[in-house]
Amino acid sequence: MNVSPFAGWSPFKKFMVISSRGSGKVADRSPFKIHRELKSILGDETIEVTKLSSGDPMVELKSNDQAKKLGAITTFLDIPVTVSPHKSLNSSKGVIRSRDLRCCSEEEMVEDLSGVTHARRIKVRRE
């Protein structure tokens, strides 16, 4: 019996953005305070934090457990916040080439392939 190497694997959003709601801005706080607060929420693992052009901190997470912990917060350093996945860094593009899929519609591929959000056929013309 072959077991898939992906059995039990669950994708998580690796890059999360902490956006301020209301008057206070997280970006106006000390980077040392931001880092200490993140360590208290996520644990002592190494935390990578990047300041986006909007000023919002983006956190690179290491595990699904960290994603759940960060996603559950509603305030950060006494500022109301929204935690959301980064719009583009949590996805990737690729090409799947399989003769077995030639009879499948694009909609069926999106529906049945885990993690696929968009599919498009590439037509190759040969002379």
C-alpha atoms as a PDB file:
ATOM      1  CA  MET A   1       0.000   0.000   0.000  1.00  0.00           C
ATOM      2  CA  ASN A   2       1.521   3.285  -1.121  1.00  0.00           C
ATOM      3  CA  VAL A   3       1.033   6.265   1.150  1.00  0.00           C
ATOM      4  CA  SER A   4       1.193   9.709  -0.398  1.00  0.00           C
ATOM      5  CA  PRO A   5       4.093  11.843   0.852  1.00  0.00           C
ATOM      6  CA  PHE A   6       1.519  14.613   1.247  1.00  0.00           C
ATOM      7  CA  ALA A   7      -0.795  12.611   3.531  1.00  0.00           C
ATOM      8  CA  GLY A   8      -1.663  14.743   6.536  1.00  0.00           C
ATOM      9  CA  TRP A   9      -0.111  17.825   4.959  1.00  0.00           C
ATOM     10  CA  SER A  10      -2.197  20.940   5.158  1.00  0.00           C
ATOM     11  CA  PRO A  11      -1.201  24.173   3.439  1.00  0.00           C
ATOM     12  CA  PHE A  12      -1.219  27.292   5.575  1.00  0.00           C
ATOM     13  CA  LYS A  13      -0.854  30.949   4.796  1.00  0.00           C
ATOM     14  CA  LYS A  14       2.838  31.594   5.377  1.00  0.00           C
ATOM     15  CA  PHE A  15       2.799  35.388   4.943  1.00  0.00           C
ATOM     16  CA  MET A  16       0.302  37.306   7.110  1.00  0.00           C
ATOM     17  CA  VAL A  17      -0.207  41.074   7.278  1.00  0.00           C
ATOM     18  CA  ILE A  18      -1.250  42.895  10.454  1.00  0.00           C
ATOM     19  CA  SER A  19      -3.365  45.905   9.431  1.00  0.00           C
ATOM     20  CA  SER A  20      -4.531  48.587  11.833  1.00  0.00           C
ATOM     21  CA  ARG A  21      -8.236  49.345  12.172  1.00  0.00           C
ATOM     22  CA  GLY A  22      -9.213  52.735  13.529  1.00  0.00           C
ATOM     23  CA  SER A  23      -7.031  55.590  14.681  1.00  0.00           C
ATOM     24  CA  GLY A  24      -3.835  53.939  15.976  1.00  0.00           C
ATOM     25  CA  LYS A  25      -1.213  52.548  13.622  1.00  0.00           C
ATOM     26  CA  VAL A  26       0.950  49.515  14.349  1.00  0.00           C
ATOM     27  CA  ALA A  27       3.584  51.066  12.063  1.00  0.00           C
ATOM     28  CA  ASP A  28       4.020  53.930  14.558  1.00  0.00           C
ATOM     29  CA  ARG A  29       5.159  51.522  17.308  1.00  0.00           C
ATOM     30  CA  SER A  30       8.743  50.611  18.058  1.00  0.00           C
ATOM     31  CA  PRO A  31      10.035  47.674  15.992  1.00  0.00           C
ATOM     32  CA  PHE A  32      11.363  46.196  19.250  1.00  0.00           C
ATOM     33  CA  LYS A  33       7.881  46.285  20.814  1.00  0.00           C
ATOM     34  CA  ILE A  34       6.373  44.736  17.677  1.00  0.00           C
ATOM     35  CA  HIS A  35       8.928  41.926  17.733  1.00  0.00           C
ATOM     36  CA  ARG A  36       8.453  41.269  21.494  1.00  0.00           C
ATOM     37  CA  GLU A  37       4.664  41.169  21.091  1.00  0.00           C
ATOM     38  CA  LEU A  38       4.915  38.753  18.164  1.00  0.00           C
ATOM     39  CA  LYS A  39       7.233  36.483  20.166  1.00  0.00           C
ATOM     40  CA  SER A  40       4.729  36.444  23.038  1.00  0.00           C
ATOM     41  CA  ILE A  41       1.917  35.455  20.633  1.00  0.00           C
ATOM     42  CA  LEU A  42       3.795  33.015  18.395  1.00  0.00           C
ATOM     43  CA  GLY A  43       6.444  31.530  20.669  1.00  0.00           C
ATOM     44  CA  ASP A  44      10.207  31.712  20.727  1.00  0.00           C
ATOM     45  CA  GLU A  45      10.840  30.447  17.198  1.00  0.00           C
ATOM     46  CA  THR A  46      12.706  32.832  14.910  1.00  0.00           C
ATOM     47  CA  ILE A  47      10.239  35.355  13.526  1.00  0.00           C
ATOM     48  CA  GLU A  48      10.784  37.222  10.265  1.00  0.00           C
ATOM     49  CA  VAL A  49       8.979  40.569  10.115  1.00  0.00           C
ATOM     50  CA  THR A  50       9.003  42.911   7.127  1.00  0.00           C
ATOM     51  CA  LYS A  51       7.525  46.385   6.954  1.00  0.00           C
ATOM     52  CA  LEU A  52       5.393  46.776   3.830  1.00  0.00           C
ATOM     53  CA  SER A  53       5.194  50.026   1.848  1.00  0.00           C
ATOM     54  CA  SER A  54       1.850  50.667   3.596  1.00  0.00           C
ATOM     55  CA  GLY A  55       3.713  50.547   6.921  1.00  0.00           C
ATOM     56  CA  ASP A  56       1.911  47.381   8.024  1.00  0.00           C
ATOM     57  CA  PRO A  57       4.077  44.578   9.365  1.00  0.00           C
ATOM     58  CA  MET A  58       4.133  41.312   7.411  1.00  0.00           C
ATOM     59  CA  VAL A  59       5.056  38.202   9.364  1.00  0.00           C
ATOM     60  CA  GLU A  60       6.572  35.074   7.803  1.00  0.00           C
ATOM     61  CA  LEU A  61       5.192  32.114   9.723  1.00  0.00           C
ATOM     62  CA  LYS A  62       6.787  28.698  10.228  1.00  0.00           C
ATOM     63  CA  SER A  63       3.768  26.523  11.040  1.00  0.00           C
ATOM     64  CA  ASN A  64       0.014  26.141  10.864  1.00  0.00           C
ATOM     65  CA  ASP A  65      -0.084  26.532  14.656  1.00  0.00           C
ATOM     66  CA  GLN A  66       1.491  29.984  14.371  1.00  0.00           C
ATOM     67  CA  ALA A  67      -0.975  30.909  11.599  1.00  0.00           C
ATOM     68  CA  LYS A  68      -3.909  29.976  13.853  1.00  0.00           C
ATOM     69  CA  LYS A  69      -2.512  31.945  16.808  1.00  0.00           C
ATOM     70  CA  LEU A  70      -1.846  35.084  14.770  1.00  0.00           C
ATOM     71  CA  GLY A  71      -5.153  34.821  12.909  1.00  0.00           C
ATOM     72  CA  ALA A  72      -7.049  34.802  16.204  1.00  0.00           C
ATOM     73  CA  ILE A  73      -5.834  38.191  17.455  1.00  0.00           C
ATOM     74  CA  THR A  74      -8.053  41.260  17.264  1.00  0.00           C
ATOM     75  CA  THR A  75      -5.769  43.706  19.076  1.00  0.00           C
ATOM     76  CA  PHE A  76      -2.022  44.173  18.801  1.00  0.00           C
ATOM     77  CA  LEU A  77      -0.168  46.494  21.177  1.00  0.00           C
ATOM     78  CA  ASP A  78      -3.580  47.847  22.278  1.00  0.00           C
ATOM     79  CA  ILE A  79      -4.485  48.733  18.676  1.00  0.00           C
ATOM     80  CA  PRO A  80      -7.465  47.084  16.950  1.00  0.00           C
ATOM     81  CA  VAL A  81      -6.114  45.075  14.015  1.00  0.00           C
ATOM     82  CA  THR A  82      -7.116  42.758  11.210  1.00  0.00           C
ATOM     83  CA  VAL A  83      -4.805  39.880  10.323  1.00  0.00           C
ATOM     84  CA  SER A  84      -5.054  38.694   6.728  1.00  0.00           C
ATOM     85  CA  PRO A  85      -2.983  36.657   4.284  1.00  0.00           C
ATOM     86  CA  HIS A  86      -0.729  38.619   1.939  1.00  0.00           C
ATOM     87  CA  LYS A  87      -2.467  38.990  -1.433  1.00  0.00           C
ATOM     88  CA  SER A  88       0.226  37.483  -3.649  1.00  0.00           C
ATOM     89  CA  LEU A  89       2.990  35.855  -1.594  1.00  0.00           C
ATOM     90  CA  ASN A  90       0.848  32.904  -0.482  1.00  0.00           C
ATOM     91  CA  SER A  91       0.330  31.546  -3.965  1.00  0.00           C
ATOM     92  CA  SER A  92       2.401  30.262  -6.824  1.00  0.00           C
ATOM     93  CA  LYS A  93       1.950  29.527 -10.478  1.00  0.00           C
ATOM     94  CA  GLY A  94       2.907  26.355 -12.238  1.00  0.00           C
ATOM     95  CA  VAL A  95       2.289  24.124 -15.198  1.00  0.00           C
ATOM     96  CA  ILE A  96       0.809  20.660 -14.954  1.00  0.00           C
ATOM     97  CA  ARG A  97       1.402  18.499 -17.977  1.00  0.00           C
ATOM     98  CA  SER A  98      -0.555  15.274 -18.121  1.00  0.00           C
ATOM     99  CA  ARG A  99      -2.205  13.478 -20.990  1.00  0.00           C
ATOM    100  CA  ASP A 100      -4.700  12.102 -18.470  1.00  0.00           C
ATOM    101  CA  LEU A 101      -6.122  15.601 -17.918  1.00  0.00           C
ATOM    102  CA  ARG A 102      -6.858  16.347 -21.593  1.00  0.00           C
ATOM    103  CA  CYS A 103     -10.462  15.166 -21.182  1.00  0.00           C
ATOM    104  CA  CYS A 104     -11.025  17.272 -18.019  1.00  0.00           C
ATOM    105  CA  SER A 105     -12.507  20.746 -18.142  1.00  0.00           C
ATOM    106  CA  GLU A 106     -10.744  23.706 -16.531  1.00  0.00           C
ATOM    107  CA  GLU A 107     -13.594  23.987 -14.017  1.00  0.00           C
ATOM    108  CA  GLU A 108     -13.214  20.329 -13.050  1.00  0.00           C
ATOM    109  CA  MET A 109      -9.478  20.771 -12.448  1.00  0.00           C
ATOM    110  CA  VAL A 110     -10.060  23.759 -10.176  1.00  0.00           C
ATOM    111  CA  GLU A 111     -12.778  21.914  -8.302  1.00  0.00           C
ATOM    112  CA  ASP A 112     -10.955  18.614  -7.833  1.00  0.00           C
ATOM    113  CA  LEU A 113      -7.258  19.534  -7.489  1.00  0.00           C
ATOM    114  CA  SER A 114      -6.426  20.640  -3.953  1.00  0.00           C
ATOM    115  CA  GLY A 115      -4.951  24.126  -3.744  1.00  0.00           C
ATOM    116  CA  VAL A 116      -5.696  25.026  -7.368  1.00  0.00           C
ATOM    117  CA  THR A 117      -7.575  28.316  -7.695  1.00  0.00           C
ATOM    118  CA  HIS A 118      -7.351  28.873 -11.442  1.00  0.00           C
ATOM    119  CA  ALA A 119      -6.685  26.680 -14.473  1.00  0.00           C
ATOM    120  CA  ARG A 120      -6.126  27.558 -18.104  1.00  0.00           C
ATOM    121  CA  ARG A 121      -5.323  25.303 -21.021  1.00  0.00           C
ATOM    122  CA  ILE A 122      -2.236  26.100 -23.022  1.00  0.00           C
ATOM    123  CA  LYS A 123      -2.639  25.235 -26.661  1.00  0.00           C
ATOM    124  CA  VAL A 124       0.449  24.234 -28.543  1.00  0.00           C
ATOM    125  CA  ARG A 125       0.456  24.568 -32.321  1.00  0.00           C
ATOM    126  CA  ARG A 126       2.738  22.271 -34.201  1.00  0.00           C
ATOM    127  CA  GLU A 127       3.356  22.627 -37.907  1.00  0.00           C
END
